[in-house]
PDB file of N, CA and C in Angstrom:
ATOM      1  N   LEU A   1     268.196  67.979  15.610  1.00  0.00           N
ATOM      2  CA  LEU A   1     266.776  67.952  15.973  1.00  0.00           C
ATOM      3  C   LEU A   1     266.108  69.034  15.130  1.00  0.00           C
ATOM      4  N   GLY A   2     265.107  69.019  14.344  1.00  0.00           N
ATOM      5  CA  GLY A   2     264.457  70.125  13.802  1.00  0.00           C
ATOM      6  C   GLY A   2     262.910  70.046  14.142  1.00  0.00           C
ATOM      7  N   VAL A   3     262.352  70.900  13.413  1.00  0.00           N
ATOM      8  CA  VAL A   3     260.929  71.001  13.289  1.00  0.00           C
ATOM      9  C   VAL A   3     260.393  71.056  12.102  1.00  0.00           C
ATOM     10  N   ILE A   4     259.273  70.347  11.564  1.00  0.00           N
ATOM     11  CA  ILE A   4     258.542  70.508  10.344  1.00  0.00           C
ATOM     12  C   ILE A   4     257.268  71.095  10.587  1.00  0.00           C
ATOM     13  N   ALA A   5     257.109  72.188  10.049  1.00  0.00           N
ATOM     14  CA  ALA A   5     255.901  73.091  10.336  1.00  0.00           C
ATOM     15  C   ALA A   5     255.311  73.621   8.954  1.00  0.00           C
ATOM     16  N   LYS A   6     254.206  73.525   8.539  1.00  0.00           N
ATOM     17  CA  LYS A   6     253.465  74.415   7.489  1.00  0.00           C
ATOM     18  C   LYS A   6     253.149  75.689   7.859  1.00  0.00           C
ATOM     19  N   LEU A   7     253.650  76.769   6.949  1.00  0.00           N
ATOM     20  CA  LEU A   7     253.355  78.159   7.311  1.00  0.00           C
ATOM     21  C   LEU A   7     252.410  78.435   6.225  1.00  0.00           C
ATOM     22  N   PRO A   8     251.657  79.649   6.535  1.00  0.00           N
ATOM     23  CA  PRO A   8     250.829  80.131   5.659  1.00  0.00           C
ATOM     24  C   PRO A   8     251.674  80.732   4.374  1.00  0.00           C
ATOM     25  N   HIS A   9     251.268  80.539   3.159  1.00  0.00           N
ATOM     26  CA  HIS A   9     252.226  81.121   2.086  1.00  0.00           C
ATOM     27  C   HIS A   9     253.017  82.319   2.222  1.00  0.00           C
ATOM     28  N   ASN A  10     252.015  83.648   2.563  1.00  0.00           N
ATOM     29  CA  ASN A  10     252.474  84.658   2.750  1.00  0.00           C
ATOM     30  C   ASN A  10     253.809  84.745   3.682  1.00  0.00           C
ATOM     31  N   VAL A  11     253.562  84.160   4.846  1.00  0.00           N
ATOM     32  CA  VAL A  11     254.879  83.962   5.962  1.00  0.00           C
ATOM     33  C   VAL A  11     255.955  83.189   5.367  1.00  0.00           C
ATOM     34  N   GLY A  12     255.740  82.180   4.562  1.00  0.00           N
ATOM     35  CA  GLY A  12     256.659  81.072   4.290  1.00  0.00           C
ATOM     36  C   GLY A  12     257.269  81.989   3.061  1.00  0.00           C
ATOM     37  N   ALA A  13     256.870  82.688   2.308  1.00  0.00           N
ATOM     38  CA  ALA A  13     257.645  83.467   1.314  1.00  0.00           C
ATOM     39  C   ALA A  13     258.562  84.480   1.953  1.00  0.00           C
ATOM     40  N   LEU A  14     258.016  85.190   3.241  1.00  0.00           N
ATOM     41  CA  LEU A  14     258.651  86.174   4.043  1.00  0.00           C
ATOM     42  C   LEU A  14     260.004  85.557   4.457  1.00  0.00           C
ATOM     43  N   VAL A  15     259.804  84.277   5.183  1.00  0.00           N
ATOM     44  CA  VAL A  15     260.930  83.608   5.810  1.00  0.00           C
ATOM     45  C   VAL A  15     261.861  82.876   4.766  1.00  0.00           C
ATOM     46  N   GLU A  16     261.349  82.587   3.907  1.00  0.00           N
ATOM     47  CA  GLU A  16     262.299  82.135   2.674  1.00  0.00           C
ATOM     48  C   GLU A  16     263.262  83.105   2.343  1.00  0.00           C
ATOM     49  N   GLY A  17     262.488  84.494   2.028  1.00  0.00           N
ATOM     50  CA  GLY A  17     263.265  85.531   1.778  1.00  0.00           C
ATOM     51  C   GLY A  17     264.213  86.004   2.650  1.00  0.00           C
ATOM     52  N   ILE A  18     263.998  85.902   4.063  1.00  0.00           N
ATOM     53  CA  ILE A  18     264.861  86.087   5.096  1.00  0.00           C
ATOM     54  C   ILE A  18     266.097  85.212   4.948  1.00  0.00           C
ATOM     55  N   GLN A  19     265.842  84.019   4.666  1.00  0.00           N
ATOM     56  CA  GLN A  19     266.748  83.037   4.405  1.00  0.00           C
ATOM     57  C   GLN A  19     267.585  83.359   3.165  1.00  0.00           C
ATOM     58  N   ASP A  20     267.082  83.806   2.204  1.00  0.00           N
ATOM     59  CA  ASP A  20     267.816  84.226   0.828  1.00  0.00           C
ATOM     60  C   ASP A  20     268.889  85.307   1.156  1.00  0.00           C
ATOM     61  N   GLY A  21     268.237  86.180   2.006  1.00  0.00           N
ATOM     62  CA  GLY A  21     268.829  87.529   2.375  1.00  0.00           C
ATOM     63  C   GLY A  21     270.134  87.068   3.141  1.00  0.00           C
ATOM     64  N   MET A  22     269.801  86.159   4.276  1.00  0.00           N
ATOM     65  CA  MET A  22     271.122  85.854   5.180  1.00  0.00           C
ATOM     66  C   MET A  22     272.130  85.272   4.399  1.00  0.00           C
ATOM     67  N   ARG A  23     271.745  84.533   3.202  1.00  0.00           N
ATOM     68  CA  ARG A  23     272.969  84.000   2.425  1.00  0.00           C
ATOM     69  C   ARG A  23     273.782  84.887   1.758  1.00  0.00           C
ATOM     70  N   LYS A  24     273.052  85.964   1.367  1.00  0.00           N
ATOM     71  CA  LYS A  24     273.657  87.128   0.671  1.00  0.00           C
ATOM     72  C   LYS A  24     274.621  88.109   1.541  1.00  0.00           C
ATOM     73  N   VAL A  25     274.092  88.225   2.740  1.00  0.00           N
ATOM     74  CA  VAL A  25     274.692  89.125   3.617  1.00  0.00           C
ATOM     75  C   VAL A  25     275.768  88.468   4.519  1.00  0.00           C
ATOM     76  N   ILE A  26     275.563  87.260   5.180  1.00  0.00           N
ATOM     77  CA  ILE A  26     276.526  86.783   6.264  1.00  0.00           C
ATOM     78  C   ILE A  26     277.540  85.855   5.380  1.00  0.00           C
ATOM     79  N   THR A  27     278.635  85.974   5.836  1.00  0.00           N
ATOM     80  CA  THR A  27     279.839  84.916   5.318  1.00  0.00           C
ATOM     81  C   THR A  27     279.792  83.835   6.079  1.00  0.00           C
ATOM     82  N   PRO A  28     279.532  82.788   5.446  1.00  0.00           N
ATOM     83  CA  PRO A  28     279.024  81.250   6.271  1.00  0.00           C
ATOM     84  C   PRO A  28     280.684  80.758   6.946  1.00  0.00           C
ATOM     85  N   LEU A  29     280.254  79.909   7.949  1.00  0.00           N
ATOM     86  CA  LEU A  29     281.404  79.400   8.681  1.00  0.00           C
ATOM     87  C   LEU A  29     282.211  78.470   7.737  1.00  0.00           C
ATOM     88  N   GLY A  30     283.320  78.864   7.681  1.00  0.00           N
ATOM     89  CA  GLY A  30     284.437  77.956   6.759  1.00  0.00           C
ATOM     90  C   GLY A  30     284.059  78.274   5.145  1.00  0.00           C
ATOM     91  N   LYS A  31     283.433  79.584   5.075  1.00  0.00           N
ATOM     92  CA  LYS A  31     283.076  79.879   3.784  1.00  0.00           C
ATOM     93  C   LYS A  31     282.508  78.851   2.613  1.00  0.00           C
ATOM     94  N   PHE A  32     281.631  77.895   3.272  1.00  0.00           N
ATOM     95  CA  PHE A  32     280.931  76.915   2.714  1.00  0.00           C
ATOM     96  C   PHE A  32     279.704  77.859   1.939  1.00  0.00           C
ATOM     97  N   ASP A  33     279.255  77.537   0.809  1.00  0.00           N
ATOM     98  CA  ASP A  33     278.097  77.940   0.205  1.00  0.00           C
ATOM     99  C   ASP A  33     276.995  77.366   0.726  1.00  0.00           C
ATOM    100  N   HIS A  34     276.090  78.124   1.451  1.00  0.00           N
ATOM    101  CA  HIS A  34     274.971  77.414   2.167  1.00  0.00           C
ATOM    102  C   HIS A  34     273.986  76.781   1.208  1.00  0.00           C
ATOM    103  N   THR A  35     273.724  77.071  -0.125  1.00  0.00           N
ATOM    104  CA  THR A  35     272.937  76.502  -0.845  1.00  0.00           C
ATOM    105  C   THR A  35     273.528  75.116  -1.337  1.00  0.00           C
ATOM    106  N   SER A  36     274.680  75.038  -1.562  1.00  0.00           N
ATOM    107  CA  SER A  36     275.566  73.766  -1.716  1.00  0.00           C
ATOM    108  C   SER A  36     275.515  72.859  -0.391  1.00  0.00           C
ATOM    109  N   PHE A  37     275.678  73.332   0.659  1.00  0.00           N
ATOM    110  CA  PHE A  37     275.660  72.594   1.925  1.00  0.00           C
ATOM    111  C   PHE A  37     274.422  72.050   2.141  1.00  0.00           C
ATOM    112  N   ARG A  38     273.143  72.434   1.749  1.00  0.00           N
ATOM    113  CA  ARG A  38     271.789  72.048   2.041  1.00  0.00           C
ATOM    114  C   ARG A  38     271.144  71.254   0.916  1.00  0.00           C
ATOM    115  N   SER A  39     271.811  71.194  -0.202  1.00  0.00           N
ATOM    116  CA  SER A  39     271.615  70.515  -1.381  1.00  0.00           C
ATOM    117  C   SER A  39     271.366  68.975  -1.044  1.00  0.00           C
ATOM    118  N   TYR A  40     270.671  68.213  -1.867  1.00  0.00           N
ATOM    119  CA  TYR A  40     270.433  66.911  -1.988  1.00  0.00           C
ATOM    120  C   TYR A  40     271.579  66.288  -2.850  1.00  0.00           C
ATOM    121  N   ASN A  41     272.461  65.439  -2.311  1.00  0.00           N
ATOM    122  CA  ASN A  41     273.661  64.751  -2.958  1.00  0.00           C
ATOM    123  C   ASN A  41     273.497  63.388  -2.989  1.00  0.00           C
ATOM    124  N   THR A  42     273.696  62.935  -4.250  1.00  0.00           N
ATOM    125  CA  THR A  42     273.987  61.468  -4.297  1.00  0.00           C
ATOM    126  C   THR A  42     275.194  61.319  -5.332  1.00  0.00           C
ATOM    127  N   GLU A  43     275.661  60.178  -5.495  1.00  0.00           N
ATOM    128  CA  GLU A  43     276.748  59.968  -6.533  1.00  0.00           C
ATOM    129  C   GLU A  43     276.474  60.313  -7.852  1.00  0.00           C
ATOM    130  N   HIS A  44     275.082  60.205  -8.218  1.00  0.00           N
ATOM    131  CA  HIS A  44     274.811  60.454  -9.605  1.00  0.00           C
ATOM    132  C   HIS A  44     274.026  61.978  -9.649  1.00  0.00           C
ATOM    133  N   LYS A  45     273.661  62.436  -8.783  1.00  0.00           N
ATOM    134  CA  LYS A  45     273.101  64.098  -8.886  1.00  0.00           C
ATOM    135  C   LYS A  45     272.999  64.754  -7.753  1.00  0.00           C
ATOM    136  N   ILE A  46     272.822  66.252  -8.099  1.00  0.00           N
ATOM    137  CA  ILE A  46     272.825  67.189  -6.879  1.00  0.00           C
ATOM    138  C   ILE A  46     271.533  67.893  -7.078  1.00  0.00           C
ATOM    139  N   ARG A  47     270.641  68.160  -6.302  1.00  0.00           N
ATOM    140  CA  ARG A  47     269.579  68.706  -6.230  1.00  0.00           C
ATOM    141  C   ARG A  47     269.419  69.842  -5.207  1.00  0.00           C
ATOM    142  N   PRO A  48     269.213  71.076  -5.485  1.00  0.00           N
ATOM    143  CA  PRO A  48     268.719  72.109  -4.362  1.00  0.00           C
ATOM    144  C   PRO A  48     267.831  71.936  -3.652  1.00  0.00           C
ATOM    145  N   SER A  49     267.771  72.267  -2.462  1.00  0.00           N
ATOM    146  CA  SER A  49     266.823  72.073  -1.390  1.00  0.00           C
ATOM    147  C   SER A  49     265.595  72.826  -1.850  1.00  0.00           C
ATOM    148  N   HIS A  50     264.312  72.394  -1.883  1.00  0.00           N
ATOM    149  CA  HIS A  50     263.462  73.076  -2.513  1.00  0.00           C
ATOM    150  C   HIS A  50     262.017  73.040  -1.270  1.00  0.00           C
ATOM    151  N   GLY A  51     261.366  73.749  -0.845  1.00  0.00           N
ATOM    152  CA  GLY A  51     260.341  73.912   0.041  1.00  0.00           C
ATOM    153  C   GLY A  51     260.769  73.968   1.410  1.00  0.00           C
ATOM    154  N   PHE A  52     261.878  73.836   1.777  1.00  0.00           N
ATOM    155  CA  PHE A  52     262.354  73.918   3.204  1.00  0.00           C
ATOM    156  C   PHE A  52     263.244  75.077   3.617  1.00  0.00           C
ATOM    157  N   VAL A  53     263.023  75.569   4.753  1.00  0.00           N
ATOM    158  CA  VAL A  53     263.863  76.776   4.968  1.00  0.00           C
ATOM    159  C   VAL A  53     264.528  76.170   6.186  1.00  0.00           C
ATOM    160  N   ASP A  54     265.938  76.921   6.344  1.00  0.00           N
ATOM    161  CA  ASP A  54     266.977  76.345   7.433  1.00  0.00           C
ATOM    162  C   ASP A  54     266.626  77.461   8.536  1.00  0.00           C
ATOM    163  N   GLY A  55     265.997  76.744   9.292  1.00  0.00           N
ATOM    164  CA  GLY A  55     265.694  77.666  10.694  1.00  0.00           C
ATOM    165  C   GLY A  55     266.767  78.088  11.559  1.00  0.00           C
ATOM    166  N   ASP A  56     267.981  77.376  11.434  1.00  0.00           N
ATOM    167  CA  ASP A  56     269.255  77.687  12.257  1.00  0.00           C
ATOM    168  C   ASP A  56     269.848  78.902  11.589  1.00  0.00           C
ATOM    169  N   LEU A  57     269.527  78.944  10.005  1.00  0.00           N
ATOM    170  CA  LEU A  57     270.236  80.022   9.273  1.00  0.00           C
ATOM    171  C   LEU A  57     269.020  81.546   9.543  1.00  0.00           C
ATOM    172  N   VAL A  58     268.057  81.178   9.629  1.00  0.00           N
ATOM    173  CA  VAL A  58     267.009  82.207   9.854  1.00  0.00           C
ATOM    174  C   VAL A  58     267.109  82.737  11.042  1.00  0.00           C
ATOM    175  N   GLU A  59     267.214  82.108  12.266  1.00  0.00           N
ATOM    176  CA  GLU A  59     267.492  82.477  13.469  1.00  0.00           C
ATOM    177  C   GLU A  59     268.556  83.500  13.796  1.00  0.00           C
ATOM    178  N   GLN A  60     269.612  83.314  13.031  1.00  0.00           N
ATOM    179  CA  GLN A  60     270.970  83.948  12.940  1.00  0.00           C
ATOM    180  C   GLN A  60     270.557  85.668  12.679  1.00  0.00           C
ATOM    181  N   PHE A  61     269.301  85.567  12.184  1.00  0.00           N
ATOM    182  CA  PHE A  61     269.056  86.999  11.727  1.00  0.00           C
ATOM    183  C   PHE A  61     269.000  88.170  12.978  1.00  0.00           C
ATOM    184  N   LEU A  62     268.360  87.355  13.919  1.00  0.00           N
ATOM    185  CA  LEU A  62     268.269  88.162  15.300  1.00  0.00           C
ATOM    186  C   LEU A  62     269.709  88.633  16.012  1.00  0.00           C
ATOM    187  N   ASP A  63     270.764  87.976  15.569  1.00  0.00           N
ATOM    188  CA  ASP A  63     272.167  88.133  16.100  1.00  0.00           C
ATOM    189  C   ASP A  63     272.625  89.260  15.296  1.00  0.00           C
ATOM    190  N   LEU A  64     272.114  89.636  14.123  1.00  0.00           N
ATOM    191  CA  LEU A  64     272.804  90.589  13.343  1.00  0.00           C
ATOM    192  C   LEU A  64     272.733  92.049  13.745  1.00  0.00           C
ATOM    193  N   THR A  65     273.481  92.882  13.225  1.00  0.00           N
ATOM    194  CA  THR A  65     273.398  94.332  13.558  1.00  0.00           C
ATOM    195  C   THR A  65     272.215  94.737  13.094  1.00  0.00           C
ATOM    196  N   VAL A  66     271.775  96.235  13.465  1.00  0.00           N
ATOM    197  CA  VAL A  66     270.281  96.714  12.799  1.00  0.00           C
ATOM    198  C   VAL A  66     270.715  96.830  11.156  1.00  0.00           C
ATOM    199  N   ARG A  67     271.944  97.470  10.915  1.00  0.00           N
ATOM    200  CA  ARG A  67     272.332  97.486   9.756  1.00  0.00           C
ATOM    201  C   ARG A  67     272.346  96.459   8.733  1.00  0.00           C
ATOM    202  N   GLU A  68     272.717  95.368   9.358  1.00  0.00           N
ATOM    203  CA  GLU A  68     272.902  93.997   8.404  1.00  0.00           C
ATOM    204  C   GLU A  68     271.434  93.399   8.346  1.00  0.00           C
ATOM    205  N   GLN A  69     270.755  93.568   9.617  1.00  0.00           N
ATOM    206  CA  GLN A  69     269.356  93.096   9.242  1.00  0.00           C
ATOM    207  C   GLN A  69     268.521  93.940   8.335  1.00  0.00           C
ATOM    208  N   ASP A  70     268.706  95.232   8.258  1.00  0.00           N
ATOM    209  CA  ASP A  70     267.961  96.081   6.955  1.00  0.00           C
ATOM    210  C   ASP A  70     268.495  95.591   5.824  1.00  0.00           C
ATOM    211  N   LYS A  71     269.766  95.142   5.525  1.00  0.00           N
ATOM    212  CA  LYS A  71     270.080  94.560   4.196  1.00  0.00           C
ATOM    213  C   LYS A  71     269.629  93.360   4.063  1.00  0.00           C
ATOM    214  N   VAL A  72     269.429  92.602   4.985  1.00  0.00           N
ATOM    215  CA  VAL A  72     268.502  91.243   4.795  1.00  0.00           C
ATOM    216  C   VAL A  72     267.127  91.424   4.468  1.00  0.00           C
ATOM    217  N   VAL A  73     266.571  92.350   5.167  1.00  0.00           N
ATOM    218  CA  VAL A  73     265.229  92.751   4.798  1.00  0.00           C
ATOM    219  C   VAL A  73     264.965  93.160   3.438  1.00  0.00           C
ATOM    220  N   LYS A  74     265.736  93.868   2.993  1.00  0.00           N
ATOM    221  CA  LYS A  74     265.638  94.601   1.552  1.00  0.00           C
ATOM    222  C   LYS A  74     265.782  93.441   0.651  1.00  0.00           C
ATOM    223  N   PHE A  75     266.604  92.370   0.686  1.00  0.00           N
ATOM    224  CA  PHE A  75     266.488  91.204   0.030  1.00  0.00           C
ATOM    225  C   PHE A  75     265.390  90.550  -0.001  1.00  0.00           C
ATOM    226  N   ALA A  76     264.944  90.260   1.501  1.00  0.00           N
ATOM    227  CA  ALA A  76     263.889  89.441   1.577  1.00  0.00           C
ATOM    228  C   ALA A  76     262.391  90.063   1.070  1.00  0.00           C
ATOM    229  N   ALA A  77     262.437  91.359   1.131  1.00  0.00           N
ATOM    230  CA  ALA A  77     261.202  92.114   0.802  1.00  0.00           C
ATOM    231  C   ALA A  77     261.105  91.764  -0.869  1.00  0.00           C
ATOM    232  N   GLU A  78     262.238  91.953  -1.535  1.00  0.00           N
ATOM    233  CA  GLU A  78     261.982  91.907  -3.163  1.00  0.00           C
ATOM    234  C   GLU A  78     261.800  90.300  -3.314  1.00  0.00           C
ATOM    235  N   PHE A  79     262.278  89.410  -2.522  1.00  0.00           N
ATOM    236  CA  PHE A  79     262.247  88.057  -2.821  1.00  0.00           C
ATOM    237  C   PHE A  79     260.603  87.564  -2.526  1.00  0.00           C
ATOM    238  N   ALA A  80     260.056  88.289  -1.631  1.00  0.00           N
ATOM    239  CA  ALA A  80     258.590  87.631  -1.121  1.00  0.00           C
ATOM    240  C   ALA A  80     257.603  88.580  -2.160  1.00  0.00           C
ATOM    241  N   ARG A  81     258.161  89.840  -2.554  1.00  0.00           N
ATOM    242  CA  ARG A  81     257.403  90.535  -3.626  1.00  0.00           C
ATOM    243  C   ARG A  81     257.415  89.867  -4.796  1.00  0.00           C
ATOM    244  N   THR A  82     258.392  89.216  -5.116  1.00  0.00           N
ATOM    245  CA  THR A  82     258.686  88.395  -6.396  1.00  0.00           C
ATOM    246  C   THR A  82     257.393  87.220  -6.342  1.00  0.00           C
ATOM    247  N   GLU A  83     257.591  86.445  -5.171  1.00  0.00           N
ATOM    248  CA  GLU A  83     256.695  85.579  -4.845  1.00  0.00           C
ATOM    249  C   GLU A  83     255.321  85.706  -5.063  1.00  0.00           C
ATOM    250  N   ALA A  84     255.012  86.965  -4.346  1.00  0.00           N
ATOM    251  CA  ALA A  84     253.418  87.553  -4.325  1.00  0.00           C
ATOM    252  C   ALA A  84     253.117  87.783  -5.834  1.00  0.00           C
ATOM    253  N   GLU A  85     254.043  88.315  -6.693  1.00  0.00           N
ATOM    254  CA  GLU A  85     253.650  88.716  -8.093  1.00  0.00           C
ATOM    255  C   GLU A  85     253.343  87.282  -8.846  1.00  0.00           C
ATOM    256  N   VAL A  86     254.159  86.264  -8.646  1.00  0.00           N
ATOM    257  CA  VAL A  86     254.103  84.849  -9.383  1.00  0.00           C
ATOM    258  C   VAL A  86     252.881  84.342  -8.814  1.00  0.00           C
ATOM    259  N   THR A  87     252.294  84.522  -7.322  1.00  0.00           N
ATOM    260  CA  THR A  87     250.990  83.897  -7.204  1.00  0.00           C
ATOM    261  C   THR A  87     249.921  84.869  -7.149  1.00  0.00           C
ATOM    262  N   ARG A  88     250.192  86.026  -7.927  1.00  0.00           N
ATOM    263  CA  ARG A  88     249.090  86.982  -8.116  1.00  0.00           C
ATOM    264  C   ARG A  88     248.583  87.595  -6.885  1.00  0.00           C
ATOM    265  N   ASN A  89     249.453  87.475  -5.963  1.00  0.00           N
ATOM    266  CA  ASN A  89     248.827  88.334  -4.623  1.00  0.00           C
ATOM    267  C   ASN A  89     249.334  89.504  -4.569  1.00  0.00           C
ATOM    268  N   VAL A  90     248.914  90.271  -5.638  1.00  0.00           N
ATOM    269  CA  VAL A  90     249.653  91.696  -5.798  1.00  0.00           C
ATOM    270  C   VAL A  90     249.084  92.751  -4.922  1.00  0.00           C
ATOM    271  N   SER A  91     248.176  92.452  -4.153  1.00  0.00           N
ATOM    272  CA  SER A  91     247.757  93.471  -3.114  1.00  0.00           C
ATOM    273  C   SER A  91     248.968  93.736  -2.147  1.00  0.00           C
ATOM    274  N   SER A  92     249.439  92.603  -1.522  1.00  0.00           N
ATOM    275  CA  SER A  92     250.818  92.767  -0.723  1.00  0.00           C
ATOM    276  C   SER A  92     251.750  93.116  -1.332  1.00  0.00           C
ATOM    277  N   ALA A  93     251.950  92.802  -2.609  1.00  0.00           N
ATOM    278  CA  ALA A  93     253.412  93.319  -3.373  1.00  0.00           C
ATOM    279  C   ALA A  93     253.189  94.690  -3.597  1.00  0.00           C
ATOM    280  N   GLY A  94     252.265  95.235  -3.643  1.00  0.00           N
ATOM    281  CA  GLY A  94     252.121  96.639  -4.341  1.00  0.00           C
ATOM    282  C   GLY A  94     252.260  97.539  -3.165  1.00  0.00           C
ATOM    283  N   ASP A  95     252.384  97.131  -1.921  1.00  0.00           N
ATOM    284  CA  ASP A  95     252.148  98.082  -0.711  1.00  0.00           C
ATOM    285  C   ASP A  95     253.684  98.397  -0.283  1.00  0.00           C
ATOM    286  N   ARG A  96     253.899  99.765  -0.274  1.00  0.00           N
ATOM    287  CA  ARG A  96     255.264 100.207   0.150  1.00  0.00           C
ATOM    288  C   ARG A  96     255.340 100.053   1.465  1.00  0.00           C
ATOM    289  N   GLY A  97     256.258  99.535   2.228  1.00  0.00           N
ATOM    290  CA  GLY A  97     256.409  99.481   3.698  1.00  0.00           C
ATOM    291  C   GLY A  97     256.038  98.309   4.195  1.00  0.00           C
ATOM    292  N   TRP A  98     255.393  97.407   3.333  1.00  0.00           N
ATOM    293  CA  TRP A  98     254.662  96.459   3.911  1.00  0.00           C
ATOM    294  C   TRP A  98     255.507  95.220   4.720  1.00  0.00           C
ATOM    295  N   PHE A  99     256.909  95.324   4.480  1.00  0.00           N
ATOM    296  CA  PHE A  99     257.589  94.477   5.242  1.00  0.00           C
ATOM    297  C   PHE A  99     258.877  95.129   5.850  1.00  0.00           C
ATOM    298  N   ASP A 100     259.000  95.310   6.929  1.00  0.00           N
ATOM    299  CA  ASP A 100     260.459  96.073   7.326  1.00  0.00           C
ATOM    300  C   ASP A 100     260.908  95.215   8.443  1.00  0.00           C
ATOM    301  N   ARG A 101     262.114  95.576   9.067  1.00  0.00           N
ATOM    302  CA  ARG A 101     262.962  95.029   9.861  1.00  0.00           C
ATOM    303  C   ARG A 101     262.164  94.470  11.199  1.00  0.00           C
ATOM    304  N   GLU A 102     261.315  95.570  11.716  1.00  0.00           N
ATOM    305  CA  GLU A 102     260.441  95.119  12.996  1.00  0.00           C
ATOM    306  C   GLU A 102     259.608  93.915  12.652  1.00  0.00           C
ATOM    307  N   ARG A 103     258.979  94.017  11.499  1.00  0.00           N
ATOM    308  CA  ARG A 103     258.110  92.720  11.194  1.00  0.00           C
ATOM    309  C   ARG A 103     258.783  91.429  10.961  1.00  0.00           C
ATOM    310  N   ALA A 104     260.326  91.446  10.447  1.00  0.00           N
ATOM    311  CA  ALA A 104     260.958  90.520  10.358  1.00  0.00           C
ATOM    312  C   ALA A 104     261.472  90.021  11.703  1.00  0.00           C
ATOM    313  N   VAL A 105     261.681  90.795  12.560  1.00  0.00           N
ATOM    314  CA  VAL A 105     262.426  90.288  13.792  1.00  0.00           C
ATOM    315  C   VAL A 105     261.134  89.618  14.447  1.00  0.00           C
ATOM    316  N   LYS A 106     260.015  90.313  14.350  1.00  0.00           N
ATOM    317  CA  LYS A 106     258.629  89.623  15.091  1.00  0.00           C
ATOM    318  C   LYS A 106     258.308  88.197  14.580  1.00  0.00           C
ATOM    319  N   ILE A 107     258.615  87.938  13.238  1.00  0.00           N
ATOM    320  CA  ILE A 107     258.308  86.735  12.688  1.00  0.00           C
ATOM    321  C   ILE A 107     259.213  85.756  13.062  1.00  0.00           C
ATOM    322  N   VAL A 108     260.544  86.198  13.194  1.00  0.00           N
ATOM    323  CA  VAL A 108     261.617  85.101  13.518  1.00  0.00           C
ATOM    324  C   VAL A 108     261.545  84.746  14.908  1.00  0.00           C
ATOM    325  N   GLN A 109     261.242  85.738  15.586  1.00  0.00           N
ATOM    326  CA  GLN A 109     261.049  85.720  17.193  1.00  0.00           C
ATOM    327  C   GLN A 109     259.786  84.611  17.517  1.00  0.00           C
ATOM    328  N   GLU A 110     258.896  84.699  16.649  1.00  0.00           N
ATOM    329  CA  GLU A 110     257.735  83.801  16.818  1.00  0.00           C
ATOM    330  C   GLU A 110     258.240  82.107  16.359  1.00  0.00           C
ATOM    331  N   LEU A 111     258.724  82.312  15.235  1.00  0.00           N
ATOM    332  CA  LEU A 111     259.186  80.921  14.805  1.00  0.00           C
ATOM    333  C   LEU A 111     260.099  80.513  15.656  1.00  0.00           C
ATOM    334  N   ASN A 112     261.133  81.290  16.208  1.00  0.00           N
ATOM    335  CA  ASN A 112     262.180  80.568  17.208  1.00  0.00           C
ATOM    336  C   ASN A 112     261.510  80.181  18.512  1.00  0.00           C
ATOM    337  N   ARG A 113     260.426  80.400  18.953  1.00  0.00           N
ATOM    338  CA  ARG A 113     259.661  80.130  19.996  1.00  0.00           C
ATOM    339  C   ARG A 113     259.166  78.616  19.935  1.00  0.00           C
ATOM    340  N   ILE A 114     258.899  78.386  18.597  1.00  0.00           N
ATOM    341  CA  ILE A 114     258.331  76.877  18.407  1.00  0.00           C
ATOM    342  C   ILE A 114     259.378  75.903  17.985  1.00  0.00           C
ATOM    343  N   HIS A 115     260.306  76.575  17.828  1.00  0.00           N
ATOM    344  CA  HIS A 115     261.702  75.591  17.607  1.00  0.00           C
ATOM    345  C   HIS A 115     262.206  75.075  18.865  1.00  0.00           C
TER     346      HIS A 115
END
């Protein structure tokens, strides 16, 4: 059972960044590659998931140690900064300290409530 929700672009980029950071920081169960696991597969082609965030993976952020959360946030901030630059939202991309662990925890907790 899941939820499909439209997020504002800036929040979506941060959550997608958290997901990307989680993929890099945690070891998945059974050592299955998360990107491959969530890909669209048929006998003719394999396409990576696009435009969706795995809420279960993102929620695991709350279970990490502070040190692991900091690592995820570092990846997430870089991912979101790149997204902001691509969409020319340079004001948020240029601010140092615009995304930190406390903000990430707050975002994930808020999303967890609607899930």
